[in-house]
PDB file of N, CA and C in Angstrom:
ATOM      1  N   MET A   1     -10.981  93.284-230.796  1.00  0.00           N
ATOM      2  CA  MET A   1     -10.452  92.549-230.090  1.00  0.00           C
ATOM      3  C   MET A   1     -11.171  92.975-228.695  1.00  0.00           C
ATOM      4  N   THR A   2     -11.229  91.901-227.640  1.00  0.00           N
ATOM      5  CA  THR A   2     -12.134  92.188-226.336  1.00  0.00           C
ATOM      6  C   THR A   2     -10.742  92.505-225.322  1.00  0.00           C
ATOM      7  N   ARG A   3     -11.316  93.287-224.374  1.00  0.00           N
ATOM      8  CA  ARG A   3     -10.349  93.694-222.811  1.00  0.00           C
ATOM      9  C   ARG A   3     -10.001  92.182-222.276  1.00  0.00           C
ATOM     10  N   ARG A   4     -10.833  91.068-222.428  1.00  0.00           N
ATOM     11  CA  ARG A   4     -10.389  90.043-221.718  1.00  0.00           C
ATOM     12  C   ARG A   4      -8.899  89.528-222.642  1.00  0.00           C
ATOM     13  N   THR A   5      -9.569  89.306-223.863  1.00  0.00           N
ATOM     14  CA  THR A   5      -8.133  88.582-225.222  1.00  0.00           C
ATOM     15  C   THR A   5      -7.157  89.768-224.817  1.00  0.00           C
ATOM     16  N   LEU A   6      -7.300  90.738-225.031  1.00  0.00           N
ATOM     17  CA  LEU A   6      -6.088  91.423-224.718  1.00  0.00           C
ATOM     18  C   LEU A   6      -5.315  90.960-223.012  1.00  0.00           C
ATOM     19  N   ARG A   7      -6.056  91.297-222.520  1.00  0.00           N
ATOM     20  CA  ARG A   7      -5.760  91.211-221.117  1.00  0.00           C
ATOM     21  C   ARG A   7      -4.656  89.069-221.259  1.00  0.00           C
ATOM     22  N   SER A   8      -5.573  88.742-221.971  1.00  0.00           N
ATOM     23  CA  SER A   8      -4.809  87.422-222.144  1.00  0.00           C
ATOM     24  C   SER A   8      -3.683  87.313-223.160  1.00  0.00           C
ATOM     25  N   LEU A   9      -3.800  87.459-223.762  1.00  0.00           N
ATOM     26  CA  LEU A   9      -2.526  88.204-224.820  1.00  0.00           C
ATOM     27  C   LEU A   9      -0.882  88.872-223.684  1.00  0.00           C
ATOM     28  N   TRP A  10      -1.230  89.653-223.138  1.00  0.00           N
ATOM     29  CA  TRP A  10      -0.399  90.258-222.386  1.00  0.00           C
ATOM     30  C   TRP A  10      -0.108  89.253-221.277  1.00  0.00           C
ATOM     31  N   SER A  11      -0.946  88.673-220.546  1.00  0.00           N
ATOM     32  CA  SER A  11      -0.328  87.569-219.587  1.00  0.00           C
ATOM     33  C   SER A  11       0.298  86.150-219.896  1.00  0.00           C
ATOM     34  N   GLN A  12       0.016  86.014-221.085  1.00  0.00           N
ATOM     35  CA  GLN A  12       0.897  84.946-222.066  1.00  0.00           C
ATOM     36  C   GLN A  12       2.217  85.719-222.195  1.00  0.00           C
ATOM     37  N   TYR A  13       2.287  87.251-222.696  1.00  0.00           N
ATOM     38  CA  TYR A  13       3.385  87.545-223.250  1.00  0.00           C
ATOM     39  C   TYR A  13       4.459  87.679-222.512  1.00  0.00           C
ATOM     40  N   PHE A  14       3.938  88.292-220.536  1.00  0.00           N
ATOM     41  CA  PHE A  14       4.498  88.428-219.823  1.00  0.00           C
ATOM     42  C   PHE A  14       5.323  86.936-219.076  1.00  0.00           C
ATOM     43  N   ARG A  15       4.198  86.189-219.427  1.00  0.00           N
ATOM     44  CA  ARG A  15       4.919  84.583-218.723  1.00  0.00           C
ATOM     45  C   ARG A  15       6.015  84.145-220.116  1.00  0.00           C
ATOM     46  N   VAL A  16       5.966  84.298-220.811  1.00  0.00           N
ATOM     47  CA  VAL A  16       7.131  83.870-222.114  1.00  0.00           C
ATOM     48  C   VAL A  16       8.114  84.387-221.527  1.00  0.00           C
ATOM     49  N   SER A  17       7.545  86.127-221.465  1.00  0.00           N
ATOM     50  CA  SER A  17       9.074  86.603-220.699  1.00  0.00           C
ATOM     51  C   SER A  17      10.401  86.369-219.723  1.00  0.00           C
ATOM     52  N   LYS A  18       9.250  85.817-218.863  1.00  0.00           N
ATOM     53  CA  LYS A  18       9.872  85.507-217.806  1.00  0.00           C
ATOM     54  C   LYS A  18      10.234  84.464-217.924  1.00  0.00           C
ATOM     55  N   ARG A  19       9.329  83.560-218.541  1.00  0.00           N
ATOM     56  CA  ARG A  19      10.221  81.963-218.552  1.00  0.00           C
ATOM     57  C   ARG A  19      11.542  82.445-219.701  1.00  0.00           C
ATOM     58  N   LEU A  20      11.561  82.975-220.280  1.00  0.00           N
ATOM     59  CA  LEU A  20      13.490  83.430-221.256  1.00  0.00           C
ATOM     60  C   LEU A  20      13.674  83.794-220.451  1.00  0.00           C
ATOM     61  N   ALA A  21      14.133  84.555-219.326  1.00  0.00           N
ATOM     62  CA  ALA A  21      14.415  85.009-217.886  1.00  0.00           C
ATOM     63  C   ALA A  21      15.519  84.005-217.877  1.00  0.00           C
ATOM     64  N   GLU A  22      14.991  82.992-217.568  1.00  0.00           N
ATOM     65  CA  GLU A  22      15.279  81.664-216.413  1.00  0.00           C
ATOM     66  C   GLU A  22      16.783  81.397-217.241  1.00  0.00           C
ATOM     67  N   ALA A  23      17.640  80.735-216.187  1.00  0.00           N
ATOM     68  CA  ALA A  23      18.546  80.324-217.013  1.00  0.00           C
ATOM     69  C   ALA A  23      18.692  79.028-217.358  1.00  0.00           C
ATOM     70  N   ASP A  24      17.781  78.709-217.097  1.00  0.00           N
ATOM     71  CA  ASP A  24      18.105  77.009-216.674  1.00  0.00           C
ATOM     72  C   ASP A  24      17.515  76.353-217.557  1.00  0.00           C
ATOM     73  N   MET A  25      16.896  76.394-218.955  1.00  0.00           N
ATOM     74  CA  MET A  25      16.271  76.602-220.070  1.00  0.00           C
ATOM     75  C   MET A  25      17.009  75.577-221.209  1.00  0.00           C
ATOM     76  N   SER A  26      16.865  74.609-221.980  1.00  0.00           N
ATOM     77  CA  SER A  26      17.851  74.324-222.701  1.00  0.00           C
ATOM     78  C   SER A  26      17.658  74.935-224.075  1.00  0.00           C
ATOM     79  N   SER A  27      18.108  74.722-225.332  1.00  0.00           N
ATOM     80  CA  SER A  27      18.670  75.614-226.320  1.00  0.00           C
ATOM     81  C   SER A  27      16.986  75.265-227.042  1.00  0.00           C
ATOM     82  N   ASP A  28      16.577  74.058-227.030  1.00  0.00           N
ATOM     83  CA  ASP A  28      15.425  74.134-227.836  1.00  0.00           C
ATOM     84  C   ASP A  28      14.057  74.632-227.314  1.00  0.00           C
ATOM     85  N   GLU A  29      13.845  74.372-225.978  1.00  0.00           N
ATOM     86  CA  GLU A  29      13.127  75.241-225.000  1.00  0.00           C
ATOM     87  C   GLU A  29      13.230  76.591-225.174  1.00  0.00           C
ATOM     88  N   ARG A  30      14.058  76.705-225.054  1.00  0.00           N
ATOM     89  CA  ARG A  30      14.753  78.764-225.249  1.00  0.00           C
ATOM     90  C   ARG A  30      13.966  79.034-226.702  1.00  0.00           C
ATOM     91  N   ARG A  31      14.510  78.334-227.780  1.00  0.00           N
ATOM     92  CA  ARG A  31      13.884  78.319-229.305  1.00  0.00           C
ATOM     93  C   ARG A  31      12.255  78.584-229.154  1.00  0.00           C
ATOM     94  N   GLN A  32      11.910  77.648-228.851  1.00  0.00           N
ATOM     95  CA  GLN A  32      10.343  77.607-228.472  1.00  0.00           C
ATOM     96  C   GLN A  32       9.521  78.786-227.828  1.00  0.00           C
ATOM     97  N   ALA A  33      10.273  79.189-226.794  1.00  0.00           N
ATOM     98  CA  ALA A  33      10.097  80.285-225.850  1.00  0.00           C
ATOM     99  C   ALA A  33      10.179  81.938-226.794  1.00  0.00           C
ATOM    100  N   GLU A  34      11.621  82.021-227.744  1.00  0.00           N
ATOM    101  CA  GLU A  34      11.671  83.313-228.305  1.00  0.00           C
ATOM    102  C   GLU A  34      10.512  83.120-229.347  1.00  0.00           C
ATOM    103  N   ARG A  35      10.209  81.993-229.538  1.00  0.00           N
ATOM    104  CA  ARG A  35       9.251  82.116-231.328  1.00  0.00           C
ATOM    105  C   ARG A  35       7.755  82.556-230.827  1.00  0.00           C
ATOM    106  N   GLU A  36       7.813  81.758-229.701  1.00  0.00           N
ATOM    107  CA  GLU A  36       6.489  82.283-228.798  1.00  0.00           C
ATOM    108  C   GLU A  36       5.851  83.584-228.655  1.00  0.00           C
ATOM    109  N   ALA A  37       7.429  84.169-227.862  1.00  0.00           N
ATOM    110  CA  ALA A  37       7.053  85.693-227.521  1.00  0.00           C
ATOM    111  C   ALA A  37       7.007  86.120-228.429  1.00  0.00           C
ATOM    112  N   ARG A  38       7.692  85.911-229.624  1.00  0.00           N
ATOM    113  CA  ARG A  38       7.786  86.804-231.097  1.00  0.00           C
ATOM    114  C   ARG A  38       6.495  86.976-231.870  1.00  0.00           C
ATOM    115  N   GLY A  39       5.582  85.860-231.455  1.00  0.00           N
ATOM    116  CA  GLY A  39       4.306  85.617-232.264  1.00  0.00           C
ATOM    117  C   GLY A  39       3.416  86.751-231.619  1.00  0.00           C
ATOM    118  N   LEU A  40       3.187  86.909-230.264  1.00  0.00           N
ATOM    119  CA  LEU A  40       2.633  87.062-229.190  1.00  0.00           C
ATOM    120  C   LEU A  40       3.047  88.674-229.050  1.00  0.00           C
ATOM    121  N   ARG A  41       3.949  89.262-229.379  1.00  0.00           N
ATOM    122  CA  ARG A  41       4.316  90.368-229.853  1.00  0.00           C
ATOM    123  C   ARG A  41       3.671  90.878-231.196  1.00  0.00           C
ATOM    124  N   ASP A  42       4.204  90.365-231.913  1.00  0.00           N
ATOM    125  CA  ASP A  42       3.277  90.798-233.207  1.00  0.00           C
ATOM    126  C   ASP A  42       1.988  90.873-233.267  1.00  0.00           C
ATOM    127  N   ARG A  43       1.312  89.774-232.127  1.00  0.00           N
ATOM    128  CA  ARG A  43      -0.228  89.758-232.230  1.00  0.00           C
ATOM    129  C   ARG A  43      -0.545  91.335-231.762  1.00  0.00           C
ATOM    130  N   LEU A  44      -0.106  91.311-230.112  1.00  0.00           N
ATOM    131  CA  LEU A  44      -0.171  92.562-229.749  1.00  0.00           C
ATOM    132  C   LEU A  44       0.414  94.110-230.252  1.00  0.00           C
ATOM    133  N   VAL A  45       1.221  94.668-231.463  1.00  0.00           N
ATOM    134  CA  VAL A  45       1.253  95.290-231.659  1.00  0.00           C
ATOM    135  C   VAL A  45       0.241  95.575-233.117  1.00  0.00           C
ATOM    136  N   VAL A  46       0.020  94.353-233.864  1.00  0.00           N
ATOM    137  CA  VAL A  46      -0.843  94.697-234.697  1.00  0.00           C
ATOM    138  C   VAL A  46      -2.542  95.041-234.420  1.00  0.00           C
ATOM    139  N   ASN A  47      -2.721  94.976-233.152  1.00  0.00           N
ATOM    140  CA  ASN A  47      -3.867  94.924-232.207  1.00  0.00           C
ATOM    141  C   ASN A  47      -3.874  96.768-231.927  1.00  0.00           C
ATOM    142  N   TYR A  48      -2.313  96.838-231.458  1.00  0.00           N
ATOM    143  CA  TYR A  48      -2.427  98.236-230.742  1.00  0.00           C
ATOM    144  C   TYR A  48      -1.777  99.344-232.711  1.00  0.00           C
ATOM    145  N   SER A  49      -2.007  98.973-233.195  1.00  0.00           N
ATOM    146  CA  SER A  49      -1.561  99.633-234.495  1.00  0.00           C
ATOM    147  C   SER A  49      -2.538 100.692-234.807  1.00  0.00           C
ATOM    148  N   PRO A  50      -4.052 100.587-234.846  1.00  0.00           N
ATOM    149  CA  PRO A  50      -4.757 101.720-234.893  1.00  0.00           C
ATOM    150  C   PRO A  50      -4.954 102.528-234.187  1.00  0.00           C
ATOM    151  N   LEU A  51      -4.524 102.561-232.675  1.00  0.00           N
ATOM    152  CA  LEU A  51      -4.278 103.410-232.035  1.00  0.00           C
ATOM    153  C   LEU A  51      -2.999 104.141-232.198  1.00  0.00           C
ATOM    154  N   VAL A  52      -2.240 104.072-232.479  1.00  0.00           N
ATOM    155  CA  VAL A  52      -0.463 104.467-232.235  1.00  0.00           C
ATOM    156  C   VAL A  52      -1.011 105.267-234.092  1.00  0.00           C
ATOM    157  N   LYS A  53      -1.789 104.899-235.232  1.00  0.00           N
ATOM    158  CA  LYS A  53      -1.693 105.513-236.506  1.00  0.00           C
ATOM    159  C   LYS A  53      -2.698 106.790-235.382  1.00  0.00           C
ATOM    160  N   TYR A  54      -3.685 106.465-235.348  1.00  0.00           N
ATOM    161  CA  TYR A  54      -4.392 108.193-234.300  1.00  0.00           C
ATOM    162  C   TYR A  54      -4.029 108.515-234.093  1.00  0.00           C
ATOM    163  N   VAL A  55      -2.937 108.332-232.977  1.00  0.00           N
ATOM    164  CA  VAL A  55      -2.405 109.577-231.466  1.00  0.00           C
ATOM    165  C   VAL A  55      -1.484 110.115-232.886  1.00  0.00           C
ATOM    166  N   ALA A  56      -1.035 109.354-233.447  1.00  0.00           N
ATOM    167  CA  ALA A  56       0.241 110.093-234.747  1.00  0.00           C
ATOM    168  C   ALA A  56      -0.359 111.312-235.187  1.00  0.00           C
ATOM    169  N   GLY A  57      -1.109 110.982-235.781  1.00  0.00           N
ATOM    170  CA  GLY A  57      -2.200 111.815-236.672  1.00  0.00           C
ATOM    171  C   GLY A  57      -2.918 112.984-235.767  1.00  0.00           C
ATOM    172  N   ARG A  58      -3.226 112.459-234.505  1.00  0.00           N
ATOM    173  CA  ARG A  58      -3.410 114.004-233.925  1.00  0.00           C
ATOM    174  C   ARG A  58      -2.014 114.808-233.740  1.00  0.00           C
ATOM    175  N   ILE A  59      -0.878 113.977-233.400  1.00  0.00           N
ATOM    176  CA  ILE A  59      -0.076 114.736-232.764  1.00  0.00           C
ATOM    177  C   ILE A  59      -0.045 115.713-234.163  1.00  0.00           C
ATOM    178  N   SER A  60       0.445 115.009-235.245  1.00  0.00           N
ATOM    179  CA  SER A  60       1.478 115.702-236.594  1.00  0.00           C
ATOM    180  C   SER A  60      -0.017 116.683-237.016  1.00  0.00           C
ATOM    181  N   GLY A  61      -1.036 116.502-236.355  1.00  0.00           N
ATOM    182  CA  GLY A  61      -1.568 117.778-236.719  1.00  0.00           C
ATOM    183  C   GLY A  61      -2.433 119.286-235.986  1.00  0.00           C
ATOM    184  N   ARG A  62      -1.178 118.689-234.660  1.00  0.00           N
ATOM    185  CA  ARG A  62      -1.045 119.910-233.973  1.00  0.00           C
ATOM    186  C   ARG A  62       0.575 120.693-234.168  1.00  0.00           C
ATOM    187  N   MET A  63       1.331 119.637-234.462  1.00  0.00           N
ATOM    188  CA  MET A  63       2.652 120.071-235.293  1.00  0.00           C
ATOM    189  C   MET A  63       2.530 121.425-235.626  1.00  0.00           C
ATOM    190  N   ALA A  64       1.645 120.574-237.220  1.00  0.00           N
ATOM    191  CA  ALA A  64       1.576 121.452-238.261  1.00  0.00           C
ATOM    192  C   ALA A  64       0.826 122.749-238.186  1.00  0.00           C
ATOM    193  N   GLY A  65       0.166 122.986-237.704  1.00  0.00           N
ATOM    194  CA  GLY A  65      -0.950 123.920-237.711  1.00  0.00           C
ATOM    195  C   GLY A  65      -1.085 124.494-236.102  1.00  0.00           C
TER     196      GLY A  65
END
């Protein structure tokens, strides 16, 4: 995934999160925004999981020996 794509995902996620913080939404709009935020968050988690695995492996290697 490119930097531009990641930046776009983060921008979309923050935009939806900000929209969720607003109190003047109908229940349908809120449900749609929550669904959108969940999907964006899942895409970000999947994207960063190799980095997390790498860092966790490095840390566990230092702790073991």
